[in-house]
């Protein structure tokens, strides 16, 4: 008589780890250059929180033109930093993520 083997805890751990990784934000960076790009050695950053897995911003979204403070040549970088990923780890299970915007003038 053949008896089924019990499920391996390793397989369950792998499935849980995979599920957790799917809920974390992906690593990406978007860069937009305005004018000729940065001409000074100056950068400022701010962060946004998003709900519904990034579909809607919570509060007032970061305004890159406001961060540029009137500059006509600058670069905007939007990315998930290591800090964003750490701070989003638990909230991402509920669909909330943090993202950073950096403006270099």
PDB file of N, CA and C in Angstrom:
ATOM      1  N   UNK A   1       0.846  -1.178   0.000  1.00  0.00           N
ATOM      2  CA  UNK A   1       0.000   0.000   0.000  1.00  0.00           C
ATOM      3  C   UNK A   1       0.892   1.242   0.000  1.00  0.00           C
ATOM      4  N   UNK A   2       0.556   2.179  -0.842  1.00  0.00           N
ATOM      5  CA  UNK A   2       1.357   3.387  -0.998  1.00  0.00           C
ATOM      6  C   UNK A   2       0.748   4.502  -0.148  1.00  0.00           C
ATOM      7  N   UNK A   3       1.578   5.112   0.686  1.00  0.00           N
ATOM      8  CA  UNK A   3       1.144   6.220   1.536  1.00  0.00           C
ATOM      9  C   UNK A   3       1.690   7.533   0.979  1.00  0.00           C
ATOM     10  N   UNK A   4       0.846   8.560   0.886  1.00  0.00           N
ATOM     11  CA  UNK A   4       1.350   9.847   0.384  1.00  0.00           C
ATOM     12  C   UNK A   4       2.375  10.440   1.341  1.00  0.00           C
ATOM     13  N   UNK A   5       3.371  11.065   0.751  1.00  0.00           N
ATOM     14  CA  UNK A   5       4.406  11.714   1.567  1.00  0.00           C
ATOM     15  C   UNK A   5       3.862  13.015   2.125  1.00  0.00           C
ATOM     16  N   UNK A   6       4.203  13.344   3.365  1.00  0.00           N
ATOM     17  CA  UNK A   6       3.769  14.641   3.907  1.00  0.00           C
ATOM     18  C   UNK A   6       4.466  15.774   3.167  1.00  0.00           C
ATOM     19  N   UNK A   7       3.797  16.910   3.113  1.00  0.00           N
ATOM     20  CA  UNK A   7       4.362  18.080   2.438  1.00  0.00           C
ATOM     21  C   UNK A   7       5.616  18.546   3.163  1.00  0.00           C
ATOM     22  N   UNK A   8       6.567  18.955   2.401  1.00  0.00           N
ATOM     23  CA  UNK A   8       7.834  19.447   2.939  1.00  0.00           C
ATOM     24  C   UNK A   8       7.661  20.870   3.454  1.00  0.00           C
ATOM     25  N   UNK A   9       8.137  21.169   4.671  1.00  0.00           N
ATOM     26  CA  UNK A   9       8.074  22.553   5.138  1.00  0.00           C
ATOM     27  C   UNK A   9       8.895  23.485   4.249  1.00  0.00           C
ATOM     28  N   UNK A  10       9.917  22.932   3.594  1.00  0.00           N
ATOM     29  CA  UNK A  10      10.747  23.739   2.703  1.00  0.00           C
ATOM     30  C   UNK A  10       9.908  24.269   1.540  1.00  0.00           C
ATOM     31  N   UNK A  11       9.056  23.442   0.975  1.00  0.00           N
ATOM     32  CA  UNK A  11       8.187  23.866  -0.115  1.00  0.00           C
ATOM     33  C   UNK A  11       7.223  24.950   0.332  1.00  0.00           C
ATOM     34  N   UNK A  12       6.683  24.802   1.534  1.00  0.00           N
ATOM     35  CA  UNK A  12       5.775  25.806   2.079  1.00  0.00           C
ATOM     36  C   UNK A  12       6.514  27.120   2.316  1.00  0.00           C
ATOM     37  N   UNK A  13       7.730  27.041   2.854  1.00  0.00           N
ATOM     38  CA  UNK A  13       8.529  28.245   3.084  1.00  0.00           C
ATOM     39  C   UNK A  13       8.843  28.949   1.768  1.00  0.00           C
ATOM     40  N   UNK A  14       9.143  28.177   0.750  1.00  0.00           N
ATOM     41  CA  UNK A  14       9.434  28.752  -0.559  1.00  0.00           C
ATOM     42  C   UNK A  14       8.191  29.449  -1.123  1.00  0.00           C
ATOM     43  N   UNK A  15       7.042  28.834  -0.963  1.00  0.00           N
ATOM     44  CA  UNK A  15       5.796  29.435  -1.454  1.00  0.00           C
ATOM     45  C   UNK A  15       5.489  30.734  -0.705  1.00  0.00           C
ATOM     46  N   UNK A  16       5.668  30.746   0.600  1.00  0.00           N
ATOM     47  CA  UNK A  16       5.421  31.956   1.391  1.00  0.00           C
ATOM     48  C   UNK A  16       6.413  33.061   1.036  1.00  0.00           C
ATOM     49  N   UNK A  17       7.671  32.711   0.855  1.00  0.00           N
ATOM     50  CA  UNK A  17       8.684  33.701   0.483  1.00  0.00           C
ATOM     51  C   UNK A  17       8.375  34.288  -0.896  1.00  0.00           C
ATOM     52  N   UNK A  18       7.933  33.444  -1.828  1.00  0.00           N
ATOM     53  CA  UNK A  18       7.573  33.924  -3.169  1.00  0.00           C
ATOM     54  C   UNK A  18       6.393  34.883  -3.109  1.00  0.00           C
ATOM     55  N   UNK A  19       5.393  34.545  -2.305  1.00  0.00           N
ATOM     56  CA  UNK A  19       4.228  35.409  -2.150  1.00  0.00           C
ATOM     57  C   UNK A  19       4.623  36.760  -1.562  1.00  0.00           C
ATOM     58  N   UNK A  20       5.492  36.750  -0.562  1.00  0.00           N
ATOM     59  CA  UNK A  20       5.954  37.991   0.052  1.00  0.00           C
ATOM     60  C   UNK A  20       6.717  38.846  -0.948  1.00  0.00           C
ATOM     61  N   UNK A  21       7.586  38.225  -1.744  1.00  0.00           N
ATOM     62  CA  UNK A  21       8.355  38.980  -2.730  1.00  0.00           C
ATOM     63  C   UNK A  21       7.458  39.600  -3.798  1.00  0.00           C
ATOM     64  N   UNK A  22       6.367  38.939  -4.131  1.00  0.00           N
ATOM     65  CA  UNK A  22       5.451  39.496  -5.128  1.00  0.00           C
ATOM     66  C   UNK A  22       4.740  40.739  -4.630  1.00  0.00           C
ATOM     67  N   UNK A  23       4.608  40.888  -3.311  1.00  0.00           N
ATOM     68  CA  UNK A  23       3.917  42.049  -2.762  1.00  0.00           C
ATOM     69  C   UNK A  23       4.848  43.235  -2.556  1.00  0.00           C
ATOM     70  N   UNK A  24       6.151  43.023  -2.611  1.00  0.00           N
ATOM     71  CA  UNK A  24       7.095  44.121  -2.433  1.00  0.00           C
ATOM     72  C   UNK A  24       7.215  44.921  -3.725  1.00  0.00           C
ATOM     73  N   UNK A  25       7.530  46.205  -3.611  1.00  0.00           N
ATOM     74  CA  UNK A  25       7.684  47.005  -4.825  1.00  0.00           C
ATOM     75  C   UNK A  25       8.882  46.541  -5.638  1.00  0.00           C
ATOM     76  N   UNK A  26       8.763  46.654  -6.925  1.00  0.00           N
ATOM     77  CA  UNK A  26       9.883  46.324  -7.788  1.00  0.00           C
ATOM     78  C   UNK A  26      10.895  47.453  -7.785  1.00  0.00           C
ATOM     79  N   UNK A  27      12.093  47.154  -8.157  1.00  0.00           N
ATOM     80  CA  UNK A  27      13.127  48.181  -8.224  1.00  0.00           C
ATOM     81  C   UNK A  27      13.092  48.809  -9.610  1.00  0.00           C
ATOM     82  N   UNK A  28      12.858  50.071  -9.669  1.00  0.00           N
ATOM     83  CA  UNK A  28      12.882  50.770 -10.941  1.00  0.00           C
ATOM     84  C   UNK A  28      13.290  52.211 -10.714  1.00  0.00           C
ATOM     85  N   UNK A  29      13.767  52.831 -11.773  1.00  0.00           N
ATOM     86  CA  UNK A  29      14.143  54.231 -11.748  1.00  0.00           C
ATOM     87  C   UNK A  29      13.691  54.865 -13.059  1.00  0.00           C
ATOM     88  N   UNK A  30      13.015  55.998 -12.949  1.00  0.00           N
ATOM     89  CA  UNK A  30      12.636  56.791 -14.113  1.00  0.00           C
ATOM     90  C   UNK A  30      13.371  58.109 -14.020  1.00  0.00           C
ATOM     91  N   UNK A  31      13.977  58.534 -15.126  1.00  0.00           N
ATOM     92  CA  UNK A  31      14.648  59.831 -15.165  1.00  0.00           C
ATOM     93  C   UNK A  31      14.083  60.657 -16.305  1.00  0.00           C
ATOM     94  N   UNK A  32      13.848  61.933 -16.005  1.00  0.00           N
ATOM     95  CA  UNK A  32      13.363  62.887 -17.000  1.00  0.00           C
ATOM     96  C   UNK A  32      14.282  64.098 -16.946  1.00  0.00           C
ATOM     97  N   UNK A  33      14.804  64.496 -18.084  1.00  0.00           N
ATOM     98  CA  UNK A  33      15.674  65.661 -18.153  1.00  0.00           C
ATOM     99  C   UNK A  33      14.871  66.838 -18.699  1.00  0.00           C
ATOM    100  N   UNK A  34      14.968  67.956 -18.000  1.00  0.00           N
ATOM    101  CA  UNK A  34      14.290  69.189 -18.406  1.00  0.00           C
ATOM    102  C   UNK A  34      15.378  70.168 -18.825  1.00  0.00           C
ATOM    103  N   UNK A  35      15.203  70.772 -20.000  1.00  0.00           N
ATOM    104  CA  UNK A  35      16.240  71.673 -20.520  1.00  0.00           C
ATOM    105  C   UNK A  35      17.490  70.872 -20.839  1.00  0.00           C
ATOM    106  N   UNK A  36      18.638  71.382 -20.398  1.00  0.00           N
ATOM    107  CA  UNK A  36      19.896  70.674 -20.648  1.00  0.00           C
ATOM    108  C   UNK A  36      20.296  69.774 -19.483  1.00  0.00           C
ATOM    109  N   UNK A  37      19.450  69.694 -18.483  1.00  0.00           N
ATOM    110  CA  UNK A  37      19.756  68.860 -17.332  1.00  0.00           C
ATOM    111  C   UNK A  37      20.442  69.654 -16.241  1.00  0.00           C
ATOM    112  N   UNK A  38      20.903  68.968 -15.199  1.00  0.00           N
ATOM    113  CA  UNK A  38      21.487  69.681 -14.064  1.00  0.00           C
ATOM    114  C   UNK A  38      22.780  70.406 -14.435  1.00  0.00           C
ATOM    115  N   UNK A  39      22.911  71.633 -13.934  1.00  0.00           N
ATOM    116  CA  UNK A  39      24.114  72.431 -14.168  1.00  0.00           C
ATOM    117  C   UNK A  39      24.791  72.822 -12.862  1.00  0.00           C
ATOM    118  N   UNK A  40      24.145  72.538 -11.745  1.00  0.00           N
ATOM    119  CA  UNK A  40      24.701  72.845 -10.422  1.00  0.00           C
ATOM    120  C   UNK A  40      24.942  71.535  -9.684  1.00  0.00           C
ATOM    121  N   UNK A  41      25.645  71.611  -8.590  1.00  0.00           N
ATOM    122  CA  UNK A  41      25.838  70.438  -7.738  1.00  0.00           C
ATOM    123  C   UNK A  41      24.836  70.536  -6.588  1.00  0.00           C
ATOM    124  N   UNK A  42      23.558  70.398  -6.930  1.00  0.00           N
ATOM    125  CA  UNK A  42      22.494  70.588  -5.955  1.00  0.00           C
ATOM    126  C   UNK A  42      21.400  69.560  -6.215  1.00  0.00           C
ATOM    127  N   UNK A  43      20.930  68.916  -5.159  1.00  0.00           N
ATOM    128  CA  UNK A  43      19.834  67.946  -5.288  1.00  0.00           C
ATOM    129  C   UNK A  43      18.930  68.052  -4.062  1.00  0.00           C
ATOM    130  N   UNK A  44      17.651  67.843  -4.287  1.00  0.00           N
ATOM    131  CA  UNK A  44      16.665  67.841  -3.222  1.00  0.00           C
ATOM    132  C   UNK A  44      15.734  66.658  -3.486  1.00  0.00           C
ATOM    133  N   UNK A  45      15.211  66.067  -2.422  1.00  0.00           N
ATOM    134  CA  UNK A  45      14.316  64.931  -2.617  1.00  0.00           C
ATOM    135  C   UNK A  45      13.123  65.001  -1.683  1.00  0.00           C
ATOM    136  N   UNK A  46      12.077  64.312  -2.081  1.00  0.00           N
ATOM    137  CA  UNK A  46      10.858  64.211  -1.285  1.00  0.00           C
ATOM    138  C   UNK A  46      10.240  62.851  -1.584  1.00  0.00           C
ATOM    139  N   UNK A  47       9.329  62.411  -0.738  1.00  0.00           N
ATOM    140  CA  UNK A  47       8.717  61.095  -0.906  1.00  0.00           C
ATOM    141  C   UNK A  47       7.202  61.192  -0.934  1.00  0.00           C
ATOM    142  N   UNK A  48       6.596  60.238  -1.638  1.00  0.00           N
ATOM    143  CA  UNK A  48       5.143  60.097  -1.723  1.00  0.00           C
ATOM    144  C   UNK A  48       4.754  58.707  -1.234  1.00  0.00           C
ATOM    145  N   UNK A  49       3.554  58.600  -0.680  1.00  0.00           N
ATOM    146  CA  UNK A  49       2.947  57.304  -0.381  1.00  0.00           C
ATOM    147  C   UNK A  49       1.825  57.091  -1.367  1.00  0.00           C
ATOM    148  N   UNK A  50       1.702  55.874  -1.872  1.00  0.00           N
ATOM    149  CA  UNK A  50       0.663  55.513  -2.828  1.00  0.00           C
ATOM    150  C   UNK A  50      -0.178  54.380  -2.266  1.00  0.00           C
ATOM    151  N   UNK A  51      -1.476  54.418  -2.572  1.00  0.00           N
ATOM    152  CA  UNK A  51      -2.408  53.372  -2.147  1.00  0.00           C
ATOM    153  C   UNK A  51      -2.838  52.552  -3.360  1.00  0.00           C
ATOM    154  N   UNK A  52      -3.514  51.465  -3.094  1.00  0.00           N
ATOM    155  CA  UNK A  52      -4.045  50.580  -4.138  1.00  0.00           C
ATOM    156  C   UNK A  52      -2.948  50.144  -5.094  1.00  0.00           C
ATOM    157  N   UNK A  53      -1.815  49.704  -4.527  1.00  0.00           N
ATOM    158  CA  UNK A  53      -0.684  49.194  -5.286  1.00  0.00           C
ATOM    159  C   UNK A  53      -0.172  50.197  -6.301  1.00  0.00           C
ATOM    160  N   UNK A  54      -0.159  51.467  -5.912  1.00  0.00           N
ATOM    161  CA  UNK A  54       0.408  52.513  -6.747  1.00  0.00           C
ATOM    162  C   UNK A  54      -0.569  53.232  -7.655  1.00  0.00           C
ATOM    163  N   UNK A  55      -1.852  52.920  -7.566  1.00  0.00           N
ATOM    164  CA  UNK A  55      -2.818  53.544  -8.461  1.00  0.00           C
ATOM    165  C   UNK A  55      -3.198  54.962  -8.062  1.00  0.00           C
ATOM    166  N   UNK A  56      -3.085  55.296  -6.793  1.00  0.00           N
ATOM    167  CA  UNK A  56      -3.486  56.631  -6.356  1.00  0.00           C
ATOM    168  C   UNK A  56      -2.533  57.168  -5.289  1.00  0.00           C
ATOM    169  N   UNK A  57      -2.165  58.436  -5.433  1.00  0.00           N
ATOM    170  CA  UNK A  57      -1.286  59.077  -4.453  1.00  0.00           C
ATOM    171  C   UNK A  57      -2.081  59.429  -3.206  1.00  0.00           C
ATOM    172  N   UNK A  58      -1.431  59.324  -2.079  1.00  0.00           N
ATOM    173  CA  UNK A  58      -2.054  59.722  -0.813  1.00  0.00           C
ATOM    174  C   UNK A  58      -1.554  61.118  -0.468  1.00  0.00           C
ATOM    175  N   UNK A  59      -2.440  62.012  -0.132  1.00  0.00           N
ATOM    176  CA  UNK A  59      -2.031  63.377   0.191  1.00  0.00           C
ATOM    177  C   UNK A  59      -1.663  64.131  -1.062  1.00  0.00           C
ATOM    178  N   UNK A  60      -0.852  65.171  -0.895  1.00  0.00           N
ATOM    179  CA  UNK A  60      -0.414  65.978  -2.030  1.00  0.00           C
ATOM    180  C   UNK A  60       0.795  65.329  -2.679  1.00  0.00           C
ATOM    181  N   UNK A  61       0.710  64.983  -3.962  1.00  0.00           N
ATOM    182  CA  UNK A  61       1.862  64.372  -4.623  1.00  0.00           C
ATOM    183  C   UNK A  61       3.031  65.355  -4.740  1.00  0.00           C
ATOM    184  N   UNK A  62       4.227  64.801  -4.787  1.00  0.00           N
ATOM    185  CA  UNK A  62       5.426  65.621  -4.948  1.00  0.00           C
ATOM    186  C   UNK A  62       5.352  66.340  -6.295  1.00  0.00           C
ATOM    187  N   UNK A  63       5.623  67.639  -6.284  1.00  0.00           N
ATOM    188  CA  UNK A  63       5.645  68.457  -7.497  1.00  0.00           C
ATOM    189  C   UNK A  63       7.107  68.727  -7.842  1.00  0.00           C
ATOM    190  N   UNK A  64       7.598  68.076  -8.892  1.00  0.00           N
ATOM    191  CA  UNK A  64       9.011  68.212  -9.239  1.00  0.00           C
ATOM    192  C   UNK A  64       9.359  69.640  -9.653  1.00  0.00           C
ATOM    193  N   UNK A  65       8.434  70.368 -10.272  1.00  0.00           N
ATOM    194  CA  UNK A  65       8.705  71.758 -10.640  1.00  0.00           C
ATOM    195  C   UNK A  65       8.885  72.615  -9.399  1.00  0.00           C
ATOM    196  N   UNK A  66       8.118  72.328  -8.371  1.00  0.00           N
ATOM    197  CA  UNK A  66       8.267  73.063  -7.115  1.00  0.00           C
ATOM    198  C   UNK A  66       9.611  72.728  -6.465  1.00  0.00           C
ATOM    199  N   UNK A  67      10.016  71.464  -6.524  1.00  0.00           N
ATOM    200  CA  UNK A  67      11.323  71.082  -5.979  1.00  0.00           C
ATOM    201  C   UNK A  67      12.465  71.732  -6.758  1.00  0.00           C
ATOM    202  N   UNK A  68      12.258  71.996  -8.049  1.00  0.00           N
ATOM    203  CA  UNK A  68      13.291  72.619  -8.876  1.00  0.00           C
ATOM    204  C   UNK A  68      13.459  74.099  -8.551  1.00  0.00           C
ATOM    205  N   UNK A  69      12.506  74.682  -7.833  1.00  0.00           N
ATOM    206  CA  UNK A  69      12.582  76.067  -7.362  1.00  0.00           C
ATOM    207  C   UNK A  69      12.866  77.059  -8.488  1.00  0.00           C
ATOM    208  N   UNK A  70      12.117  76.931  -9.588  1.00  0.00           N
ATOM    209  CA  UNK A  70      12.258  77.891 -10.678  1.00  0.00           C
ATOM    210  C   UNK A  70      13.369  77.604 -11.666  1.00  0.00           C
ATOM    211  N   UNK A  71      14.163  76.582 -11.442  1.00  0.00           N
ATOM    212  CA  UNK A  71      15.236  76.249 -12.391  1.00  0.00           C
ATOM    213  C   UNK A  71      14.621  75.821 -13.724  1.00  0.00           C
ATOM    214  N   UNK A  72      15.312  76.117 -14.819  1.00  0.00           N
ATOM    215  CA  UNK A  72      14.817  75.697 -16.128  1.00  0.00           C
ATOM    216  C   UNK A  72      15.595  74.497 -16.666  1.00  0.00           C
ATOM    217  N   UNK A  73      16.726  74.180 -16.032  1.00  0.00           N
ATOM    218  CA  UNK A  73      17.535  73.021 -16.413  1.00  0.00           C
ATOM    219  C   UNK A  73      17.694  72.130 -15.184  1.00  0.00           C
ATOM    220  N   UNK A  74      17.112  70.925 -15.237  1.00  0.00           N
ATOM    221  CA  UNK A  74      17.210  70.007 -14.109  1.00  0.00           C
ATOM    222  C   UNK A  74      16.849  68.596 -14.549  1.00  0.00           C
ATOM    223  N   UNK A  75      17.099  67.642 -13.681  1.00  0.00           N
ATOM    224  CA  UNK A  75      16.756  66.243 -13.934  1.00  0.00           C
ATOM    225  C   UNK A  75      15.891  65.742 -12.785  1.00  0.00           C
ATOM    226  N   UNK A  76      14.821  65.027 -13.127  1.00  0.00           N
ATOM    227  CA  UNK A  76      13.921  64.445 -12.134  1.00  0.00           C
ATOM    228  C   UNK A  76      14.113  62.930 -12.155  1.00  0.00           C
ATOM    229  N   UNK A  77      14.387  62.357 -11.009  1.00  0.00           N
ATOM    230  CA  UNK A  77      14.521  60.913 -10.876  1.00  0.00           C
ATOM    231  C   UNK A  77      13.454  60.431  -9.911  1.00  0.00           C
ATOM    232  N   UNK A  78      12.666  59.479 -10.353  1.00  0.00           N
ATOM    233  CA  UNK A  78      11.650  58.863  -9.504  1.00  0.00           C
ATOM    234  C   UNK A  78      12.056  57.409  -9.326  1.00  0.00           C
ATOM    235  N   UNK A  79      12.171  56.967  -8.072  1.00  0.00           N
ATOM    236  CA  UNK A  79      12.662  55.612  -7.836  1.00  0.00           C
ATOM    237  C   UNK A  79      12.209  55.070  -6.486  1.00  0.00           C
ATOM    238  N   UNK A  80      12.356  53.754  -6.342  1.00  0.00           N
ATOM    239  CA  UNK A  80      12.217  53.103  -5.047  1.00  0.00           C
ATOM    240  C   UNK A  80      13.621  52.995  -4.480  1.00  0.00           C
ATOM    241  N   UNK A  81      13.894  53.733  -3.419  1.00  0.00           N
ATOM    242  CA  UNK A  81      15.191  53.638  -2.764  1.00  0.00           C
ATOM    243  C   UNK A  81      15.159  52.463  -1.789  1.00  0.00           C
ATOM    244  N   UNK A  82      16.304  52.122  -1.244  1.00  0.00           N
ATOM    245  CA  UNK A  82      16.359  51.064  -0.236  1.00  0.00           C
ATOM    246  C   UNK A  82      15.465  51.429   0.951  1.00  0.00           C
ATOM    247  N   UNK A  83      15.482  52.691   1.343  1.00  0.00           N
ATOM    248  CA  UNK A  83      14.630  53.146   2.445  1.00  0.00           C
ATOM    249  C   UNK A  83      13.159  52.955   2.102  1.00  0.00           C
ATOM    250  N   UNK A  84      12.773  53.272   0.862  1.00  0.00           N
ATOM    251  CA  UNK A  84      11.390  53.089   0.434  1.00  0.00           C
ATOM    252  C   UNK A  84      10.979  51.622   0.527  1.00  0.00           C
ATOM    253  N   UNK A  85      11.841  50.742   0.089  1.00  0.00           N
ATOM    254  CA  UNK A  85      11.529  49.311   0.116  1.00  0.00           C
ATOM    255  C   UNK A  85      11.384  48.820   1.543  1.00  0.00           C
ATOM    256  N   UNK A  86      12.286  49.252   2.426  1.00  0.00           N
ATOM    257  CA  UNK A  86      12.200  48.834   3.839  1.00  0.00           C
ATOM    258  C   UNK A  86      10.917  49.367   4.474  1.00  0.00           C
ATOM    259  N   UNK A  87      10.623  50.648   4.244  1.00  0.00           N
ATOM    260  CA  UNK A  87       9.420  51.234   4.845  1.00  0.00           C
ATOM    261  C   UNK A  87       8.130  50.687   4.233  1.00  0.00           C
ATOM    262  N   UNK A  88       8.194  50.183   3.009  1.00  0.00           N
ATOM    263  CA  UNK A  88       7.008  49.654   2.332  1.00  0.00           C
ATOM    264  C   UNK A  88       6.801  48.159   2.553  1.00  0.00           C
ATOM    265  N   UNK A  89       7.762  47.490   3.166  1.00  0.00           N
ATOM    266  CA  UNK A  89       7.693  46.031   3.275  1.00  0.00           C
ATOM    267  C   UNK A  89       6.373  45.546   3.883  1.00  0.00           C
ATOM    268  N   UNK A  90       5.995  46.030   5.038  1.00  0.00           N
ATOM    269  CA  UNK A  90       4.752  45.594   5.687  1.00  0.00           C
ATOM    270  C   UNK A  90       3.532  46.276   5.063  1.00  0.00           C
ATOM    271  N   UNK A  91       3.545  47.608   4.864  1.00  0.00           N
ATOM    272  CA  UNK A  91       2.369  48.249   4.254  1.00  0.00           C
ATOM    273  C   UNK A  91       2.043  47.731   2.854  1.00  0.00           C
ATOM    274  N   UNK A  92       3.045  47.220   2.129  1.00  0.00           N
ATOM    275  CA  UNK A  92       2.779  46.731   0.778  1.00  0.00           C
ATOM    276  C   UNK A  92       1.830  45.538   0.789  1.00  0.00           C
ATOM    277  N   UNK A  93       1.768  44.824   1.894  1.00  0.00           N
ATOM    278  CA  UNK A  93       0.828  43.708   2.001  1.00  0.00           C
ATOM    279  C   UNK A  93      -0.610  44.206   1.901  1.00  0.00           C
ATOM    280  N   UNK A  94      -0.822  45.475   2.268  1.00  0.00           N
ATOM    281  CA  UNK A  94      -2.150  46.084   2.193  1.00  0.00           C
ATOM    282  C   UNK A  94      -2.291  47.017   0.990  1.00  0.00           C
ATOM    283  N   UNK A  95      -1.249  47.078   0.141  1.00  0.00           N
ATOM    284  CA  UNK A  95      -1.326  47.874  -1.072  1.00  0.00           C
ATOM    285  C   UNK A  95      -0.777  49.274  -0.973  1.00  0.00           C
ATOM    286  N   UNK A  96       0.053  49.565   0.038  1.00  0.00           N
ATOM    287  CA  UNK A  96       0.612  50.905   0.207  1.00  0.00           C
ATOM    288  C   UNK A  96       2.114  50.878  -0.047  1.00  0.00           C
ATOM    289  N   UNK A  97       2.590  51.833  -0.842  1.00  0.00           N
ATOM    290  CA  UNK A  97       4.001  51.925  -1.180  1.00  0.00           C
ATOM    291  C   UNK A  97       4.506  53.350  -1.036  1.00  0.00           C
ATOM    292  N   UNK A  98       5.788  53.462  -0.767  1.00  0.00           N
ATOM    293  CA  UNK A  98       6.448  54.763  -0.719  1.00  0.00           C
ATOM    294  C   UNK A  98       7.411  54.848  -1.894  1.00  0.00           C
ATOM    295  N   UNK A  99       7.535  56.043  -2.465  1.00  0.00           N
ATOM    296  CA  UNK A  99       8.406  56.284  -3.608  1.00  0.00           C
ATOM    297  C   UNK A  99       9.096  57.627  -3.428  1.00  0.00           C
ATOM    298  N   UNK A 100      10.331  57.741  -3.880  1.00  0.00           N
ATOM    299  CA  UNK A 100      11.118  58.957  -3.716  1.00  0.00           C
ATOM    300  C   UNK A 100      11.312  59.667  -5.058  1.00  0.00           C
ATOM    301  N   UNK A 101      11.212  60.986  -5.021  1.00  0.00           N
ATOM    302  CA  UNK A 101      11.472  61.840  -6.177  1.00  0.00           C
ATOM    303  C   UNK A 101      12.678  62.706  -5.845  1.00  0.00           C
ATOM    304  N   UNK A 102      13.673  62.698  -6.734  1.00  0.00           N
ATOM    305  CA  UNK A 102      14.904  63.478  -6.547  1.00  0.00           C
ATOM    306  C   UNK A 102      15.009  64.467  -7.708  1.00  0.00           C
ATOM    307  N   UNK A 103      15.252  65.723  -7.383  1.00  0.00           N
ATOM    308  CA  UNK A 103      15.458  66.751  -8.403  1.00  0.00           C
ATOM    309  C   UNK A 103      16.878  67.262  -8.264  1.00  0.00           C
ATOM    310  N   UNK A 104      17.643  67.146  -9.370  1.00  0.00           N
ATOM    311  CA  UNK A 104      19.015  67.652  -9.425  1.00  0.00           C
ATOM    312  C   UNK A 104      19.026  68.865 -10.332  1.00  0.00           C
ATOM    313  N   UNK A 105      19.597  69.972  -9.797  1.00  0.00           N
ATOM    314  CA  UNK A 105      19.673  71.208 -10.600  1.00  0.00           C
ATOM    315  C   UNK A 105      21.093  71.424 -11.081  1.00  0.00           C
TER     316      UNK A 105
END
